Amino acid sequence: MTKPGRLLTLLAVLAFAGFLLWSTLSSQRVECTVVVAFNNARNTATASAASETDATREAQTAACGPIANGMNESIACGRIPPVSRQCRSL
């Protein structure tokens, strides 16, 4: 491949990567941190999403992961109200 061809390919790849990064991050408008207590354990997680509801749900799912064992406990942990929740706009 010629030098101009390599440069053009590199620029195209960088432009595509930049577009992917921008499109992913631009949809994240709210960040929430939740604390979950389940099975005598507590865990904290943070997530961002387009809405406060989605960010809270994703943060709770992430917080439940390490403290729940198996699918049944993961579902049960996801259904309990978090001990605390803090959200902020990005």
N, C-alpha and C. Protein backbone atom coordinates (compact mmCIF):
# COMPACT_ATOMS: atom_id res chain seq x y z
N MET A 1 0.85 -1.18 0.00
CA MET A 1 0.00 0.00 0.00
C MET A 1 0.90 1.24 0.00
N THR A 2 0.50 2.21 -0.75
CA THR A 2 1.29 3.44 -0.84
C THR A 2 1.11 4.28 0.41
N LYS A 3 2.02 5.21 0.61
CA LYS A 3 1.97 6.07 1.79
C LYS A 3 0.68 6.89 1.86
N PRO A 4 0.21 7.51 0.76
CA PRO A 4 -1.07 8.23 0.83
C PRO A 4 -2.24 7.29 1.13
N GLY A 5 -2.17 6.07 0.63
CA GLY A 5 -3.24 5.10 0.90
C GLY A 5 -3.30 4.72 2.37
N ARG A 6 -2.13 4.54 2.98
CA ARG A 6 -2.07 4.22 4.42
C ARG A 6 -2.63 5.38 5.24
N LEU A 7 -2.24 6.58 4.87
CA LEU A 7 -2.70 7.77 5.59
C LEU A 7 -4.21 7.91 5.48
N LEU A 8 -4.74 7.70 4.30
CA LEU A 8 -6.19 7.78 4.09
C LEU A 8 -6.92 6.71 4.89
N THR A 9 -6.38 5.50 4.91
CA THR A 9 -6.99 4.41 5.68
C THR A 9 -6.95 4.74 7.17
N LEU A 10 -5.82 5.23 7.66
CA LEU A 10 -5.70 5.60 9.07
C LEU A 10 -6.69 6.70 9.43
N LEU A 11 -6.83 7.71 8.60
CA LEU A 11 -7.79 8.78 8.86
C LEU A 11 -9.22 8.27 8.88
N ALA A 12 -9.55 7.35 7.98
CA ALA A 12 -10.89 6.78 7.94
C ALA A 12 -11.17 5.98 9.21
N VAL A 13 -10.20 5.20 9.67
CA VAL A 13 -10.37 4.41 10.89
C VAL A 13 -10.52 5.33 12.10
N LEU A 14 -9.71 6.36 12.19
CA LEU A 14 -9.81 7.31 13.30
C LEU A 14 -11.14 8.06 13.29
N ALA A 15 -11.60 8.45 12.11
CA ALA A 15 -12.89 9.13 12.01
C ALA A 15 -14.02 8.22 12.46
N PHE A 16 -13.97 6.96 12.07
CA PHE A 16 -15.01 6.00 12.47
C PHE A 16 -14.97 5.78 13.98
N ALA A 17 -13.78 5.62 14.55
CA ALA A 17 -13.66 5.43 16.00
C ALA A 17 -14.17 6.66 16.74
N GLY A 18 -13.85 7.84 16.24
CA GLY A 18 -14.35 9.07 16.86
C GLY A 18 -15.87 9.17 16.81
N PHE A 19 -16.45 8.78 15.68
CA PHE A 19 -17.90 8.79 15.56
C PHE A 19 -18.54 7.81 16.55
N LEU A 20 -17.98 6.61 16.67
CA LEU A 20 -18.52 5.63 17.62
C LEU A 20 -18.45 6.16 19.05
N LEU A 21 -17.33 6.75 19.41
CA LEU A 21 -17.17 7.30 20.75
C LEU A 21 -18.17 8.43 20.99
N TRP A 22 -18.29 9.34 20.05
CA TRP A 22 -19.23 10.46 20.19
C TRP A 22 -20.67 9.96 20.30
N SER A 23 -21.07 9.03 19.43
CA SER A 23 -22.46 8.57 19.44
C SER A 23 -22.79 7.81 20.71
N THR A 24 -21.83 7.12 21.27
CA THR A 24 -22.05 6.39 22.52
C THR A 24 -22.16 7.36 23.69
N LEU A 25 -21.25 8.28 23.80
CA LEU A 25 -21.22 9.18 24.95
C LEU A 25 -22.28 10.27 24.89
N SER A 26 -22.71 10.67 23.72
CA SER A 26 -23.70 11.74 23.63
C SER A 26 -25.07 11.31 24.13
N SER A 27 -25.35 10.02 24.14
CA SER A 27 -26.64 9.54 24.62
C SER A 27 -26.68 9.41 26.14
N GLN A 28 -25.53 9.50 26.80
CA GLN A 28 -25.45 9.38 28.25
C GLN A 28 -25.70 10.74 28.88
N ARG A 29 -26.92 10.98 29.37
CA ARG A 29 -27.28 12.30 29.87
C ARG A 29 -27.39 12.36 31.40
N VAL A 30 -27.54 11.19 32.06
CA VAL A 30 -27.71 11.15 33.51
C VAL A 30 -26.79 10.07 34.07
N GLU A 31 -26.18 10.36 35.23
CA GLU A 31 -25.35 9.37 35.91
C GLU A 31 -25.92 9.15 37.30
N CYS A 32 -26.13 7.88 37.67
CA CYS A 32 -26.68 7.56 38.99
C CYS A 32 -25.76 6.59 39.72
N THR A 33 -25.65 6.80 41.02
CA THR A 33 -24.92 5.90 41.91
C THR A 33 -25.93 5.33 42.89
N VAL A 34 -25.95 4.00 43.01
CA VAL A 34 -26.88 3.35 43.93
C VAL A 34 -26.12 2.46 44.90
N VAL A 35 -26.68 2.31 46.09
CA VAL A 35 -26.18 1.36 47.08
C VAL A 35 -27.27 0.33 47.27
N VAL A 36 -26.91 -0.95 47.14
CA VAL A 36 -27.87 -2.03 47.27
C VAL A 36 -27.45 -2.92 48.44
N ALA A 37 -28.42 -3.30 49.28
CA ALA A 37 -28.19 -4.25 50.36
C ALA A 37 -29.00 -5.50 50.05
N PHE A 38 -28.30 -6.64 49.98
CA PHE A 38 -28.96 -7.91 49.64
C PHE A 38 -28.15 -9.05 50.26
N ASN A 39 -28.83 -10.00 50.88
CA ASN A 39 -28.16 -11.16 51.50
C ASN A 39 -27.04 -10.73 52.46
N ASN A 40 -27.33 -9.79 53.32
CA ASN A 40 -26.37 -9.29 54.31
C ASN A 40 -25.09 -8.73 53.68
N ALA A 41 -25.19 -8.25 52.47
CA ALA A 41 -24.04 -7.63 51.80
C ALA A 41 -24.50 -6.32 51.18
N ARG A 42 -23.56 -5.41 51.03
CA ARG A 42 -23.85 -4.11 50.40
C ARG A 42 -22.86 -3.89 49.27
N ASN A 43 -23.33 -3.24 48.24
CA ASN A 43 -22.45 -2.91 47.13
C ASN A 43 -22.92 -1.61 46.49
N THR A 44 -21.99 -0.87 45.96
CA THR A 44 -22.26 0.40 45.30
C THR A 44 -21.84 0.31 43.84
N ALA A 45 -22.62 0.91 42.97
CA ALA A 45 -22.27 0.95 41.55
C ALA A 45 -22.79 2.24 40.93
N THR A 46 -22.14 2.65 39.86
CA THR A 46 -22.51 3.86 39.13
C THR A 46 -22.72 3.50 37.67
N ALA A 47 -23.75 4.11 37.07
CA ALA A 47 -24.02 3.89 35.64
C ALA A 47 -24.58 5.17 35.05
N SER A 48 -24.45 5.30 33.74
CA SER A 48 -25.02 6.45 33.05
C SER A 48 -25.91 5.96 31.93
N ALA A 49 -26.91 6.78 31.61
CA ALA A 49 -27.87 6.42 30.56
C ALA A 49 -28.57 7.69 30.08
N ALA A 50 -29.50 7.50 29.17
CA ALA A 50 -30.24 8.64 28.62
C ALA A 50 -31.25 9.20 29.61
N SER A 51 -31.77 8.36 30.52
CA SER A 51 -32.76 8.83 31.49
C SER A 51 -32.35 8.40 32.89
N GLU A 52 -32.92 9.07 33.89
CA GLU A 52 -32.63 8.73 35.28
C GLU A 52 -33.10 7.32 35.62
N THR A 53 -34.25 6.93 35.09
CA THR A 53 -34.77 5.59 35.34
C THR A 53 -33.83 4.53 34.80
N ASP A 54 -33.35 4.72 33.58
CA ASP A 54 -32.44 3.74 32.97
C ASP A 54 -31.10 3.70 33.70
N ALA A 55 -30.58 4.86 34.09
CA ALA A 55 -29.30 4.89 34.80
C ALA A 55 -29.41 4.21 36.16
N THR A 56 -30.53 4.43 36.86
CA THR A 56 -30.74 3.78 38.15
C THR A 56 -30.83 2.27 37.99
N ARG A 57 -31.58 1.82 36.99
CA ARG A 57 -31.73 0.39 36.76
C ARG A 57 -30.39 -0.26 36.43
N GLU A 58 -29.62 0.38 35.56
CA GLU A 58 -28.32 -0.19 35.18
C GLU A 58 -27.35 -0.20 36.35
N ALA A 59 -27.36 0.85 37.17
CA ALA A 59 -26.49 0.89 38.34
C ALA A 59 -26.88 -0.19 39.34
N GLN A 60 -28.19 -0.41 39.51
CA GLN A 60 -28.63 -1.44 40.44
C GLN A 60 -28.25 -2.83 39.92
N THR A 61 -28.38 -3.05 38.63
CA THR A 61 -27.97 -4.33 38.05
C THR A 61 -26.48 -4.56 38.28
N ALA A 62 -25.67 -3.53 38.09
CA ALA A 62 -24.23 -3.65 38.30
C ALA A 62 -23.90 -3.88 39.78
N ALA A 63 -24.64 -3.24 40.67
CA ALA A 63 -24.39 -3.41 42.10
C ALA A 63 -24.80 -4.80 42.58
N CYS A 64 -25.84 -5.35 41.99
CA CYS A 64 -26.32 -6.68 42.39
C CYS A 64 -25.41 -7.80 41.91
N GLY A 65 -24.70 -7.59 40.82
CA GLY A 65 -23.87 -8.64 40.23
C GLY A 65 -22.97 -9.37 41.21
N PRO A 66 -22.12 -8.67 41.95
CA PRO A 66 -21.19 -9.35 42.85
C PRO A 66 -21.82 -9.94 44.11
N ILE A 67 -23.00 -9.48 44.51
CA ILE A 67 -23.57 -9.95 45.78
C ILE A 67 -24.71 -10.95 45.60
N ALA A 68 -25.14 -11.18 44.38
CA ALA A 68 -26.21 -12.15 44.11
C ALA A 68 -25.59 -13.38 43.46
N ASN A 69 -26.06 -14.55 43.88
CA ASN A 69 -25.56 -15.80 43.32
C ASN A 69 -26.65 -16.46 42.49
N GLY A 70 -26.46 -16.53 41.21
CA GLY A 70 -27.43 -17.19 40.34
C GLY A 70 -28.49 -16.24 39.83
N MET A 71 -29.26 -16.74 38.89
CA MET A 71 -30.27 -15.92 38.23
C MET A 71 -31.39 -15.53 39.18
N ASN A 72 -31.87 -16.44 40.02
CA ASN A 72 -32.98 -16.12 40.93
C ASN A 72 -32.61 -14.98 41.87
N GLU A 73 -31.42 -15.04 42.45
CA GLU A 73 -30.99 -13.98 43.36
C GLU A 73 -30.75 -12.67 42.61
N SER A 74 -30.24 -12.75 41.40
CA SER A 74 -30.02 -11.54 40.61
C SER A 74 -31.33 -10.83 40.34
N ILE A 75 -32.36 -11.60 40.00
CA ILE A 75 -33.68 -11.02 39.75
C ILE A 75 -34.25 -10.43 41.04
N ALA A 76 -34.13 -11.17 42.15
CA ALA A 76 -34.64 -10.68 43.43
C ALA A 76 -33.91 -9.41 43.86
N CYS A 77 -32.61 -9.38 43.69
CA CYS A 77 -31.83 -8.20 44.07
C CYS A 77 -32.22 -7.00 43.21
N GLY A 78 -32.48 -7.22 41.95
CA GLY A 78 -32.87 -6.13 41.06
C GLY A 78 -34.23 -5.54 41.37
N ARG A 79 -35.05 -6.29 42.10
CA ARG A 79 -36.41 -5.82 42.40
C ARG A 79 -36.52 -5.07 43.72
N ILE A 80 -35.50 -5.16 44.58
CA ILE A 80 -35.59 -4.46 45.86
C ILE A 80 -35.21 -2.99 45.67
N PRO A 81 -35.79 -2.10 46.47
CA PRO A 81 -35.40 -0.69 46.35
C PRO A 81 -33.97 -0.48 46.84
N PRO A 82 -33.20 0.36 46.19
CA PRO A 82 -31.83 0.61 46.66
C PRO A 82 -31.83 1.32 48.01
N VAL A 83 -30.77 1.11 48.78
CA VAL A 83 -30.61 1.78 50.07
C VAL A 83 -30.48 3.28 49.85
N SER A 84 -29.70 3.64 48.85
CA SER A 84 -29.58 5.06 48.51
C SER A 84 -29.36 5.19 47.01
N ARG A 85 -29.70 6.38 46.51
CA ARG A 85 -29.56 6.66 45.08
C ARG A 85 -29.26 8.13 44.90
N GLN A 86 -28.22 8.43 44.14
CA GLN A 86 -27.88 9.81 43.82
C GLN A 86 -27.68 9.91 42.32
N CYS A 87 -28.36 10.86 41.70
CA CYS A 87 -28.26 11.06 40.26
C CYS A 87 -27.84 12.49 39.96
N ARG A 88 -27.14 12.65 38.84
CA ARG A 88 -26.75 13.99 38.40
C ARG A 88 -26.77 14.03 36.88
N SER A 89 -27.03 15.19 36.35
CA SER A 89 -27.03 15.39 34.90
C SER A 89 -25.60 15.51 34.42
N LEU A 90 -25.36 14.98 33.24
CA LEU A 90 -24.02 15.07 32.65
C LEU A 90 -23.95 16.20 31.65
